[in-house]
Amino acid sequence: ELSVVEGMQFDRGYLSAYFVTNADKMIAQLENAYVLLTDKKISN
């Protein structure tokens, strides 16, 4: 089942402070962002 919702939240914070676009509110607001969903581990 696919559910489409507006917005997204991470329970444990950001991996890097560079993700934050508004340091005062500590939020990362992105427009027209692509999201990759997978059930596999991603490594580099």
N, C-alpha and C. Protein backbone atom coordinates (compact mmCIF):
# COMPACT_ATOMS: atom_id res chain seq x y z
N GLU A 1 0.84 -1.17 0.00
CA GLU A 1 0.00 0.00 0.00
C GLU A 1 0.89 1.24 0.00
N LEU A 2 0.56 2.19 -0.83
CA LEU A 2 1.32 3.43 -0.94
C LEU A 2 0.53 4.56 -0.31
N SER A 3 1.14 5.25 0.63
CA SER A 3 0.52 6.42 1.26
C SER A 3 1.34 7.65 0.90
N VAL A 4 0.69 8.67 0.41
CA VAL A 4 1.35 9.92 0.06
C VAL A 4 0.93 10.97 1.09
N VAL A 5 1.91 11.56 1.76
CA VAL A 5 1.63 12.58 2.77
C VAL A 5 2.47 13.81 2.48
N GLU A 6 2.07 14.93 3.01
CA GLU A 6 2.83 16.15 2.83
C GLU A 6 3.72 16.36 4.05
N GLY A 7 5.00 16.49 3.83
CA GLY A 7 5.95 16.70 4.92
C GLY A 7 6.62 15.41 5.34
N MET A 8 7.68 15.56 6.11
CA MET A 8 8.46 14.42 6.57
C MET A 8 9.18 14.82 7.84
N GLN A 9 9.42 13.87 8.73
CA GLN A 9 10.07 14.18 10.00
C GLN A 9 11.02 13.06 10.37
N PHE A 10 12.21 13.43 10.86
CA PHE A 10 13.18 12.47 11.37
C PHE A 10 13.14 12.51 12.88
N ASP A 11 12.98 11.35 13.52
CA ASP A 11 12.89 11.29 14.97
C ASP A 11 14.22 11.53 15.66
N ARG A 12 15.32 11.22 15.01
CA ARG A 12 16.63 11.28 15.67
C ARG A 12 17.51 12.42 15.18
N GLY A 13 16.96 13.41 14.54
CA GLY A 13 17.75 14.56 14.10
C GLY A 13 18.37 14.34 12.73
N TYR A 14 19.25 15.24 12.36
CA TYR A 14 19.88 15.22 11.04
C TYR A 14 21.23 14.52 11.10
N LEU A 15 21.57 13.85 10.02
CA LEU A 15 22.87 13.20 9.91
C LEU A 15 23.98 14.25 9.87
N SER A 16 23.70 15.38 9.24
CA SER A 16 24.68 16.45 9.12
C SER A 16 23.98 17.80 9.29
N ALA A 17 24.66 18.75 9.88
CA ALA A 17 24.10 20.10 10.03
C ALA A 17 23.92 20.79 8.68
N TYR A 18 24.58 20.30 7.64
CA TYR A 18 24.44 20.89 6.30
C TYR A 18 23.06 20.65 5.70
N PHE A 19 22.28 19.73 6.26
CA PHE A 19 20.91 19.51 5.78
C PHE A 19 19.99 20.65 6.19
N VAL A 20 20.32 21.37 7.25
CA VAL A 20 19.46 22.43 7.79
C VAL A 20 19.50 23.64 6.86
N THR A 21 18.32 24.12 6.46
CA THR A 21 18.25 25.31 5.61
C THR A 21 17.84 26.54 6.40
N ASN A 22 17.30 26.35 7.60
CA ASN A 22 16.93 27.46 8.48
C ASN A 22 17.48 27.15 9.87
N ALA A 23 18.62 27.76 10.20
CA ALA A 23 19.30 27.45 11.46
C ALA A 23 18.52 27.93 12.68
N ASP A 24 17.73 29.00 12.54
CA ASP A 24 16.95 29.50 13.67
C ASP A 24 15.89 28.49 14.11
N LYS A 25 15.22 27.87 13.15
CA LYS A 25 14.17 26.90 13.45
C LYS A 25 14.66 25.46 13.39
N MET A 26 15.92 25.27 12.98
CA MET A 26 16.51 23.93 12.81
C MET A 26 15.64 23.04 11.92
N ILE A 27 15.29 23.58 10.74
CA ILE A 27 14.50 22.81 9.78
C ILE A 27 15.23 22.77 8.45
N ALA A 28 14.92 21.76 7.68
CA ALA A 28 15.42 21.64 6.31
C ALA A 28 14.20 21.69 5.40
N GLN A 29 14.03 22.78 4.71
CA GLN A 29 12.88 22.95 3.84
C GLN A 29 13.36 22.90 2.40
N LEU A 30 12.92 21.88 1.67
CA LEU A 30 13.33 21.66 0.29
C LEU A 30 12.10 21.72 -0.61
N GLU A 31 12.26 22.32 -1.78
CA GLU A 31 11.16 22.39 -2.74
C GLU A 31 11.48 21.50 -3.93
N ASN A 32 10.48 20.78 -4.41
CA ASN A 32 10.61 19.88 -5.56
C ASN A 32 11.73 18.86 -5.35
N ALA A 33 11.82 18.32 -4.16
CA ALA A 33 12.88 17.35 -3.83
C ALA A 33 12.51 15.96 -4.32
N TYR A 34 13.51 15.19 -4.71
CA TYR A 34 13.33 13.79 -5.06
C TYR A 34 13.59 12.94 -3.83
N VAL A 35 12.80 11.90 -3.65
CA VAL A 35 12.94 11.02 -2.49
C VAL A 35 13.11 9.60 -2.98
N LEU A 36 14.16 8.93 -2.51
CA LEU A 36 14.41 7.53 -2.85
C LEU A 36 13.94 6.66 -1.70
N LEU A 37 13.03 5.74 -1.98
CA LEU A 37 12.54 4.80 -0.97
C LEU A 37 13.06 3.42 -1.31
N THR A 38 13.64 2.75 -0.33
CA THR A 38 14.16 1.40 -0.55
C THR A 38 14.12 0.62 0.76
N ASP A 39 14.09 -0.69 0.63
CA ASP A 39 14.18 -1.53 1.82
C ASP A 39 15.56 -2.16 1.93
N LYS A 40 16.50 -1.69 1.11
CA LYS A 40 17.88 -2.19 1.11
C LYS A 40 18.82 -1.17 1.73
N LYS A 41 19.97 -1.61 2.20
CA LYS A 41 20.99 -0.72 2.75
C LYS A 41 21.69 0.02 1.62
N ILE A 42 21.89 1.31 1.81
CA ILE A 42 22.59 2.14 0.83
C ILE A 42 23.98 2.44 1.37
N SER A 43 25.00 2.12 0.61
CA SER A 43 26.37 2.40 1.03
C SER A 43 27.12 3.06 -0.12
N ASN A 44 28.25 3.68 0.19
CA ASN A 44 29.01 4.35 -0.86
C ASN A 44 30.25 3.62 -1.21
